[in-house]
Amino acid sequence: MEGVQPPDENVGNAPGRRFQTNKLLLVTSVIQALGLLLCLTYICLHFHTSQVPSLYHESITTQFTRCDTEKCFIVTHPSKEQTMKVQNNSIIINCDGFYLISLKGYFTQEINLNFLYRKSRKPLFSLNKVKFVNYITVAYLRYKDKVSLTVTTNNTSWEETQVNGGELILIQQNPGGFCVY
């Protein structure tokens, strides 16, 4: 019996070692099962949230046809249902989030246009000495922000300033943030 080791030297056959190996296999199996459960939970939640439509989506399409003493008069389409309101010639923001902002229009003379969104803040954007505006941007707006347009011109007579096809559109891009209705 030269090739056979005595039982006390054969570590693989010891009962204590076999218990540790089985315990290690059990722990690794439990960890793998928890990982698989976590992956399946993530996939199910991701699939479920992609199937749920957004409950509320803010948007407004307005027109402005004339500008007087630095303000453009914003009016809404009476036939279209709007989820945002115009108050004191400003669009009131009810929900925090990113908004797609589209501004279009042709003015009869060169103007300087400022897009305001918060009191005592710099304009979101300014356009100087333009007759035609076709501007699109995305901006983060917050609850109680008031979007408005101010216009100045080098000409002293505002009666000559008219707008053709003036349109301002705001569409919320990520509904589900902080909102007050």
Foldseek 3Di string as FASTA:
>chain_A
DVPDDDPVVPVVPDPVVVVVVVVVVVVVVVVVVVVVVVVVVVVVVVVVVVPDDFPDKAKFKWFFWAADPFFTATDGDPVDDGPWDADPQWIFDFFWAKKKKWWWKFKQFFKKKFKAWAPPDGGPDIDGRDRTDTDIDIDTHHGGTIITMTIDDPDPDRVRITIDPTMIMIIGDDPDGDGDD
